[in-house]
Amino acid sequence: MDDVTDDASARLARRYPPQRTGRWWIPVAIVLAAAGGLWLYWAGSYGATGTITARVDAFEVRSDTVIGVTVTVDRPDPSVAAECLVFAQAVTYDRVGETWVRVEQGGTGLTTVRLELRTFKRATTAAVESCRKAG
């Protein structure tokens, strides 16, 4: 009877070999999770602080070559000077004029700037492309 049991055990062992302990992925997963967490923290803290933004509050097409634009610049730190690129578009979506608007340091965080933007073709809208710290 032991021969039959040993023979059956041998066949089962050949058919179903012992499983390997494939736990090598656990340290890899921990390292990747830690790296992802650090990146998430960096991206959140970098994007949440010190960003200078602006928006066009109003615009008025005054002629075929001039558009009046009112821009509000938001600076978290008013002691920093800022520059924003304001552009005008035609009805065909062509960029027909652009200028850098500079806001000097001091004042309040929200600063309203009114400007006249010269264009080479009739503009139909104005927008802010980007803002940065003035250098």
N, C-alpha and C. Protein backbone atom coordinates (compact mmCIF):
# COMPACT_ATOMS: atom_id res chain seq x y z
N MET A 1 0.81 -1.18 0.00
CA MET A 1 0.00 0.00 0.00
C MET A 1 0.87 1.25 0.00
N ASP A 2 2.02 1.20 0.63
CA ASP A 2 2.90 2.35 0.64
C ASP A 2 3.44 2.65 -0.75
N ASP A 3 3.63 1.60 -1.56
CA ASP A 3 4.11 1.83 -2.93
C ASP A 3 3.08 2.60 -3.73
N VAL A 4 1.83 2.26 -3.56
CA VAL A 4 0.76 2.97 -4.28
C VAL A 4 0.69 4.41 -3.82
N THR A 5 0.80 4.64 -2.54
CA THR A 5 0.75 6.00 -2.00
C THR A 5 1.96 6.79 -2.46
N ASP A 6 3.14 6.18 -2.42
CA ASP A 6 4.35 6.86 -2.88
C ASP A 6 4.27 7.16 -4.37
N ASP A 7 3.74 6.18 -5.15
CA ASP A 7 3.58 6.38 -6.59
C ASP A 7 2.59 7.51 -6.88
N ALA A 8 1.48 7.54 -6.15
CA ALA A 8 0.48 8.60 -6.34
C ALA A 8 1.06 9.94 -5.93
N SER A 9 1.81 9.96 -4.85
CA SER A 9 2.43 11.22 -4.39
C SER A 9 3.43 11.72 -5.42
N ALA A 10 4.19 10.83 -6.01
CA ALA A 10 5.18 11.22 -7.02
C ALA A 10 4.48 11.77 -8.26
N ARG A 11 3.39 11.10 -8.67
CA ARG A 11 2.64 11.60 -9.84
C ARG A 11 2.04 12.97 -9.56
N LEU A 12 1.46 13.15 -8.37
CA LEU A 12 0.90 14.45 -8.03
C LEU A 12 1.98 15.53 -7.97
N ALA A 13 3.14 15.17 -7.46
CA ALA A 13 4.25 16.14 -7.38
C ALA A 13 4.72 16.53 -8.77
N ARG A 14 4.73 15.56 -9.71
CA ARG A 14 5.12 15.88 -11.08
C ARG A 14 4.05 16.72 -11.76
N ARG A 15 2.81 16.40 -11.51
CA ARG A 15 1.72 17.11 -12.15
C ARG A 15 1.55 18.52 -11.58
N TYR A 16 1.67 18.63 -10.28
CA TYR A 16 1.51 19.92 -9.60
C TYR A 16 2.78 20.26 -8.83
N PRO A 17 3.76 20.86 -9.55
CA PRO A 17 5.03 21.17 -8.86
C PRO A 17 4.79 22.24 -7.78
N PRO A 18 5.65 22.31 -6.79
CA PRO A 18 5.47 23.31 -5.73
C PRO A 18 5.56 24.72 -6.32
N GLN A 19 4.71 25.59 -5.83
CA GLN A 19 4.70 26.96 -6.35
C GLN A 19 5.89 27.74 -5.81
N ARG A 20 6.41 28.56 -6.69
CA ARG A 20 7.52 29.42 -6.28
C ARG A 20 6.97 30.57 -5.46
N THR A 21 7.74 31.03 -4.56
CA THR A 21 7.32 32.20 -3.78
C THR A 21 7.76 33.44 -4.55
N GLY A 22 6.90 33.91 -5.44
CA GLY A 22 7.20 35.06 -6.29
C GLY A 22 6.84 36.36 -5.61
N ARG A 23 7.52 36.67 -4.57
CA ARG A 23 7.23 37.89 -3.81
C ARG A 23 8.22 39.01 -4.15
N TRP A 24 8.97 38.88 -5.23
CA TRP A 24 9.95 39.90 -5.61
C TRP A 24 9.27 41.21 -6.00
N TRP A 25 8.02 41.15 -6.37
CA TRP A 25 7.32 42.35 -6.84
C TRP A 25 6.91 43.27 -5.69
N ILE A 26 6.88 42.79 -4.46
CA ILE A 26 6.45 43.62 -3.33
C ILE A 26 7.42 44.78 -3.09
N PRO A 27 8.75 44.55 -3.00
CA PRO A 27 9.65 45.71 -2.83
C PRO A 27 9.61 46.67 -4.02
N VAL A 28 9.45 46.12 -5.22
CA VAL A 28 9.35 46.97 -6.41
C VAL A 28 8.10 47.84 -6.32
N ALA A 29 6.99 47.26 -5.91
CA ALA A 29 5.75 48.02 -5.78
C ALA A 29 5.87 49.09 -4.71
N ILE A 30 6.56 48.80 -3.62
CA ILE A 30 6.75 49.79 -2.55
C ILE A 30 7.59 50.96 -3.05
N VAL A 31 8.66 50.65 -3.78
CA VAL A 31 9.52 51.72 -4.32
C VAL A 31 8.75 52.57 -5.32
N LEU A 32 7.99 51.94 -6.21
CA LEU A 32 7.21 52.70 -7.19
C LEU A 32 6.13 53.54 -6.52
N ALA A 33 5.49 53.02 -5.49
CA ALA A 33 4.47 53.79 -4.77
C ALA A 33 5.09 54.98 -4.05
N ALA A 34 6.27 54.78 -3.47
CA ALA A 34 6.95 55.89 -2.80
C ALA A 34 7.36 56.96 -3.80
N ALA A 35 7.89 56.54 -4.95
CA ALA A 35 8.27 57.51 -5.98
C ALA A 35 7.05 58.25 -6.50
N GLY A 36 5.95 57.55 -6.70
CA GLY A 36 4.72 58.21 -7.15
C GLY A 36 4.19 59.18 -6.12
N GLY A 37 4.27 58.82 -4.85
CA GLY A 37 3.83 59.72 -3.79
C GLY A 37 4.68 60.98 -3.71
N LEU A 38 5.99 60.81 -3.83
CA LEU A 38 6.88 61.98 -3.83
C LEU A 38 6.62 62.88 -5.02
N TRP A 39 6.40 62.30 -6.20
CA TRP A 39 6.11 63.12 -7.38
C TRP A 39 4.78 63.86 -7.20
N LEU A 40 3.78 63.19 -6.66
CA LEU A 40 2.48 63.82 -6.44
C LEU A 40 2.61 64.99 -5.46
N TYR A 41 3.37 64.81 -4.40
CA TYR A 41 3.59 65.89 -3.45
C TYR A 41 4.31 67.07 -4.12
N TRP A 42 5.36 66.78 -4.90
CA TRP A 42 6.10 67.84 -5.59
C TRP A 42 5.20 68.59 -6.58
N ALA A 43 4.45 67.85 -7.38
CA ALA A 43 3.60 68.49 -8.39
C ALA A 43 2.52 69.35 -7.73
N GLY A 44 1.96 68.87 -6.65
CA GLY A 44 0.93 69.65 -5.96
C GLY A 44 1.48 70.89 -5.30
N SER A 45 2.63 70.79 -4.68
CA SER A 45 3.19 71.96 -4.01
C SER A 45 3.76 72.96 -5.02
N TYR A 46 4.31 72.48 -6.11
CA TYR A 46 4.86 73.39 -7.12
C TYR A 46 3.74 74.14 -7.83
N GLY A 47 2.67 73.44 -8.18
CA GLY A 47 1.58 74.08 -8.91
C GLY A 47 0.67 74.92 -8.05
N ALA A 48 0.71 74.75 -6.74
CA ALA A 48 -0.22 75.45 -5.87
C ALA A 48 0.34 76.74 -5.29
N THR A 49 1.60 77.01 -5.47
CA THR A 49 2.17 78.19 -4.84
C THR A 49 2.87 79.07 -5.86
N GLY A 50 2.68 80.36 -5.69
CA GLY A 50 3.45 81.33 -6.44
C GLY A 50 3.13 81.47 -7.91
N THR A 51 2.00 81.00 -8.37
CA THR A 51 1.67 81.09 -9.78
C THR A 51 1.03 82.44 -10.08
N ILE A 52 1.57 83.11 -11.07
CA ILE A 52 1.01 84.40 -11.51
C ILE A 52 0.04 84.11 -12.65
N THR A 53 -1.18 84.61 -12.52
CA THR A 53 -2.20 84.40 -13.54
C THR A 53 -2.82 85.73 -13.93
N ALA A 54 -3.50 85.73 -15.05
CA ALA A 54 -4.19 86.94 -15.51
C ALA A 54 -5.39 86.53 -16.34
N ARG A 55 -6.32 87.46 -16.46
CA ARG A 55 -7.51 87.23 -17.27
C ARG A 55 -7.91 88.54 -17.93
N VAL A 56 -8.58 88.42 -19.07
CA VAL A 56 -9.13 89.58 -19.74
C VAL A 56 -10.51 89.82 -19.18
N ASP A 57 -10.71 90.97 -18.55
CA ASP A 57 -12.02 91.30 -17.98
C ASP A 57 -12.92 91.96 -19.01
N ALA A 58 -12.34 92.72 -19.92
CA ALA A 58 -13.15 93.41 -20.93
C ALA A 58 -12.26 93.76 -22.11
N PHE A 59 -12.89 93.90 -23.26
CA PHE A 59 -12.19 94.42 -24.43
C PHE A 59 -13.18 95.19 -25.28
N GLU A 60 -12.65 96.14 -26.05
CA GLU A 60 -13.49 96.97 -26.92
C GLU A 60 -12.73 97.19 -28.23
N VAL A 61 -13.35 96.77 -29.31
CA VAL A 61 -12.75 96.98 -30.62
C VAL A 61 -13.01 98.45 -30.99
N ARG A 62 -11.95 99.25 -31.06
CA ARG A 62 -12.09 100.68 -31.29
C ARG A 62 -11.95 101.07 -32.76
N SER A 63 -11.19 100.26 -33.50
CA SER A 63 -11.03 100.51 -34.94
C SER A 63 -10.47 99.25 -35.57
N ASP A 64 -10.14 99.34 -36.86
CA ASP A 64 -9.55 98.19 -37.53
C ASP A 64 -8.13 97.89 -37.06
N THR A 65 -7.51 98.84 -36.36
CA THR A 65 -6.13 98.64 -35.93
C THR A 65 -5.90 98.83 -34.43
N VAL A 66 -6.97 99.00 -33.65
CA VAL A 66 -6.81 99.20 -32.21
C VAL A 66 -7.92 98.45 -31.47
N ILE A 67 -7.51 97.75 -30.39
CA ILE A 67 -8.45 97.12 -29.48
C ILE A 67 -8.06 97.52 -28.06
N GLY A 68 -9.03 97.97 -27.29
CA GLY A 68 -8.78 98.31 -25.89
C GLY A 68 -9.02 97.07 -25.04
N VAL A 69 -8.10 96.79 -24.12
CA VAL A 69 -8.18 95.58 -23.32
C VAL A 69 -8.00 95.93 -21.84
N THR A 70 -8.82 95.33 -20.99
CA THR A 70 -8.68 95.45 -19.54
C THR A 70 -8.28 94.08 -19.01
N VAL A 71 -7.11 94.03 -18.38
CA VAL A 71 -6.54 92.77 -17.89
C VAL A 71 -6.38 92.87 -16.37
N THR A 72 -6.76 91.81 -15.65
CA THR A 72 -6.53 91.73 -14.22
C THR A 72 -5.45 90.68 -13.97
N VAL A 73 -4.37 91.11 -13.31
CA VAL A 73 -3.24 90.23 -13.01
C VAL A 73 -3.31 89.86 -11.53
N ASP A 74 -3.19 88.56 -11.25
CA ASP A 74 -3.23 88.06 -9.88
C ASP A 74 -1.85 87.55 -9.51
N ARG A 75 -1.23 88.25 -8.54
CA ARG A 75 0.10 87.86 -8.05
C ARG A 75 -0.03 87.47 -6.58
N PRO A 76 0.31 86.24 -6.22
CA PRO A 76 0.26 85.86 -4.81
C PRO A 76 1.21 86.69 -3.94
N ASP A 77 2.31 87.13 -4.52
CA ASP A 77 3.28 87.95 -3.79
C ASP A 77 3.41 89.29 -4.49
N PRO A 78 2.75 90.35 -3.98
CA PRO A 78 2.79 91.66 -4.65
C PRO A 78 4.18 92.29 -4.70
N SER A 79 5.13 91.75 -3.94
CA SER A 79 6.48 92.33 -3.99
C SER A 79 7.26 91.86 -5.21
N VAL A 80 6.63 91.02 -6.04
CA VAL A 80 7.27 90.50 -7.25
C VAL A 80 6.64 91.16 -8.47
N ALA A 81 7.47 91.67 -9.38
CA ALA A 81 6.96 92.24 -10.63
C ALA A 81 6.56 91.09 -11.57
N ALA A 82 5.57 91.35 -12.41
CA ALA A 82 5.07 90.31 -13.31
C ALA A 82 4.95 90.83 -14.73
N GLU A 83 5.01 89.89 -15.68
CA GLU A 83 4.78 90.19 -17.10
C GLU A 83 3.78 89.18 -17.64
N CYS A 84 2.84 89.67 -18.45
CA CYS A 84 1.86 88.79 -19.07
C CYS A 84 1.79 89.11 -20.56
N LEU A 85 1.68 88.07 -21.37
CA LEU A 85 1.57 88.24 -22.81
C LEU A 85 0.09 88.29 -23.19
N VAL A 86 -0.34 89.44 -23.69
CA VAL A 86 -1.73 89.65 -24.12
C VAL A 86 -1.73 89.68 -25.64
N PHE A 87 -2.70 88.97 -26.24
CA PHE A 87 -2.78 88.96 -27.70
C PHE A 87 -4.20 89.20 -28.17
N ALA A 88 -4.32 89.64 -29.42
CA ALA A 88 -5.61 89.87 -30.05
C ALA A 88 -5.76 88.92 -31.23
N GLN A 89 -7.00 88.46 -31.45
CA GLN A 89 -7.28 87.55 -32.56
C GLN A 89 -8.31 88.15 -33.49
N ALA A 90 -8.19 87.79 -34.76
CA ALA A 90 -9.18 88.19 -35.76
C ALA A 90 -10.27 87.13 -35.83
N VAL A 91 -11.27 87.39 -36.62
CA VAL A 91 -12.38 86.44 -36.77
C VAL A 91 -11.90 85.12 -37.38
N THR A 92 -10.77 85.14 -38.08
CA THR A 92 -10.21 83.93 -38.69
C THR A 92 -9.25 83.21 -37.75
N TYR A 93 -9.22 83.61 -36.48
CA TYR A 93 -8.35 83.04 -35.45
C TYR A 93 -6.87 83.37 -35.65
N ASP A 94 -6.57 84.28 -36.57
CA ASP A 94 -5.20 84.74 -36.73
C ASP A 94 -4.83 85.63 -35.56
N ARG A 95 -3.60 85.53 -35.11
CA ARG A 95 -3.11 86.45 -34.09
C ARG A 95 -2.72 87.73 -34.81
N VAL A 96 -3.40 88.82 -34.48
CA VAL A 96 -3.20 90.06 -35.22
C VAL A 96 -2.46 91.13 -34.42
N GLY A 97 -2.12 90.81 -33.19
CA GLY A 97 -1.34 91.74 -32.37
C GLY A 97 -1.06 91.13 -31.01
N GLU A 98 0.05 91.54 -30.43
CA GLU A 98 0.37 91.06 -29.08
C GLU A 98 1.31 92.05 -28.42
N THR A 99 1.29 92.02 -27.08
CA THR A 99 2.18 92.87 -26.31
C THR A 99 2.37 92.27 -24.92
N TRP A 100 3.52 92.58 -24.33
CA TRP A 100 3.78 92.18 -22.95
C TRP A 100 3.28 93.29 -22.03
N VAL A 101 2.51 92.92 -21.03
CA VAL A 101 2.02 93.85 -20.03
C VAL A 101 2.86 93.64 -18.78
N ARG A 102 3.42 94.71 -18.26
CA ARG A 102 4.26 94.61 -17.06
C ARG A 102 3.53 95.24 -15.88
N VAL A 103 3.53 94.53 -14.76
CA VAL A 103 2.98 95.03 -13.50
C VAL A 103 4.15 95.13 -12.54
N GLU A 104 4.44 96.34 -12.10
CA GLU A 104 5.57 96.57 -11.21
C GLU A 104 5.27 96.04 -9.82
N GLN A 105 6.32 95.81 -9.05
CA GLN A 105 6.14 95.31 -7.69
C GLN A 105 5.46 96.36 -6.83
N GLY A 106 4.82 95.88 -5.79
CA GLY A 106 4.08 96.75 -4.90
C GLY A 106 2.59 96.70 -5.21
N GLY A 107 1.83 97.43 -4.47
CA GLY A 107 0.39 97.44 -4.68
C GLY A 107 -0.27 96.22 -4.05
N THR A 108 -1.36 95.80 -4.64
CA THR A 108 -2.10 94.66 -4.12
C THR A 108 -1.86 93.44 -4.99
N GLY A 109 -2.37 92.30 -4.55
CA GLY A 109 -2.22 91.06 -5.31
C GLY A 109 -2.96 91.10 -6.63
N LEU A 110 -4.15 91.70 -6.63
CA LEU A 110 -4.93 91.85 -7.87
C LEU A 110 -4.70 93.25 -8.42
N THR A 111 -4.22 93.32 -9.64
CA THR A 111 -3.93 94.60 -10.28
C THR A 111 -4.62 94.65 -11.63
N THR A 112 -5.37 95.72 -11.88
CA THR A 112 -6.06 95.89 -13.16
C THR A 112 -5.26 96.82 -14.04
N VAL A 113 -5.06 96.40 -15.28
CA VAL A 113 -4.29 97.18 -16.26
C VAL A 113 -5.17 97.39 -17.49
N ARG A 114 -5.23 98.63 -17.93
CA ARG A 114 -5.95 98.95 -19.17
C ARG A 114 -4.92 99.32 -20.22
N LEU A 115 -5.08 98.78 -21.44
CA LEU A 115 -4.12 99.06 -22.49
C LEU A 115 -4.80 99.12 -23.84
N GLU A 116 -4.13 99.77 -24.77
CA GLU A 116 -4.56 99.78 -26.17
C GLU A 116 -3.58 98.91 -26.94
N LEU A 117 -4.11 97.94 -27.64
CA LEU A 117 -3.28 97.01 -28.39
C LEU A 117 -3.43 97.32 -29.87
N ARG A 118 -2.32 97.62 -30.51
CA ARG A 118 -2.31 97.90 -31.95
C ARG A 118 -2.34 96.58 -32.71
N THR A 119 -3.14 96.52 -33.76
CA THR A 119 -3.28 95.31 -34.58
C THR A 119 -3.06 95.66 -36.04
N PHE A 120 -2.73 94.66 -36.85
CA PHE A 120 -2.55 94.90 -38.28
C PHE A 120 -3.81 94.52 -39.06
N LYS A 121 -4.82 94.01 -38.36
CA LYS A 121 -6.09 93.59 -38.96
C LYS A 121 -7.14 93.75 -37.87
N ARG A 122 -8.40 93.85 -38.22
CA ARG A 122 -9.46 94.04 -37.23
C ARG A 122 -9.51 92.85 -36.26
N ALA A 123 -9.40 93.15 -34.98
CA ALA A 123 -9.46 92.11 -33.95
C ALA A 123 -10.90 91.90 -33.51
N THR A 124 -11.20 90.69 -33.07
CA THR A 124 -12.54 90.39 -32.56
C THR A 124 -12.51 89.93 -31.11
N THR A 125 -11.33 89.63 -30.59
CA THR A 125 -11.22 89.22 -29.19
C THR A 125 -9.79 89.42 -28.71
N ALA A 126 -9.63 89.33 -27.39
CA ALA A 126 -8.31 89.44 -26.77
C ALA A 126 -8.22 88.37 -25.69
N ALA A 127 -6.99 87.91 -25.44
CA ALA A 127 -6.78 86.88 -24.41
C ALA A 127 -5.37 87.01 -23.86
N VAL A 128 -5.16 86.34 -22.73
CA VAL A 128 -3.84 86.29 -22.10
C VAL A 128 -3.26 84.93 -22.39
N GLU A 129 -2.05 84.89 -22.93
CA GLU A 129 -1.41 83.61 -23.22
C GLU A 129 -0.68 83.04 -22.01
N SER A 130 0.15 83.87 -21.35
CA SER A 130 0.92 83.36 -20.23
C SER A 130 1.38 84.52 -19.38
N CYS A 131 1.79 84.20 -18.15
CA CYS A 131 2.36 85.18 -17.22
C CYS A 131 3.60 84.59 -16.59
N ARG A 132 4.50 85.48 -16.15
CA ARG A 132 5.73 85.03 -15.51
C ARG A 132 6.25 86.14 -14.60
N LYS A 133 7.20 85.80 -13.78
CA LYS A 133 7.89 86.82 -12.98
C LYS A 133 8.72 87.67 -13.92
N ALA A 134 8.68 88.98 -13.71
CA ALA A 134 9.46 89.88 -14.56
C ALA A 134 10.92 89.78 -14.16
N GLY A 135 11.77 89.74 -15.17
CA GLY A 135 13.20 89.58 -14.90
C GLY A 135 14.01 90.78 -15.06
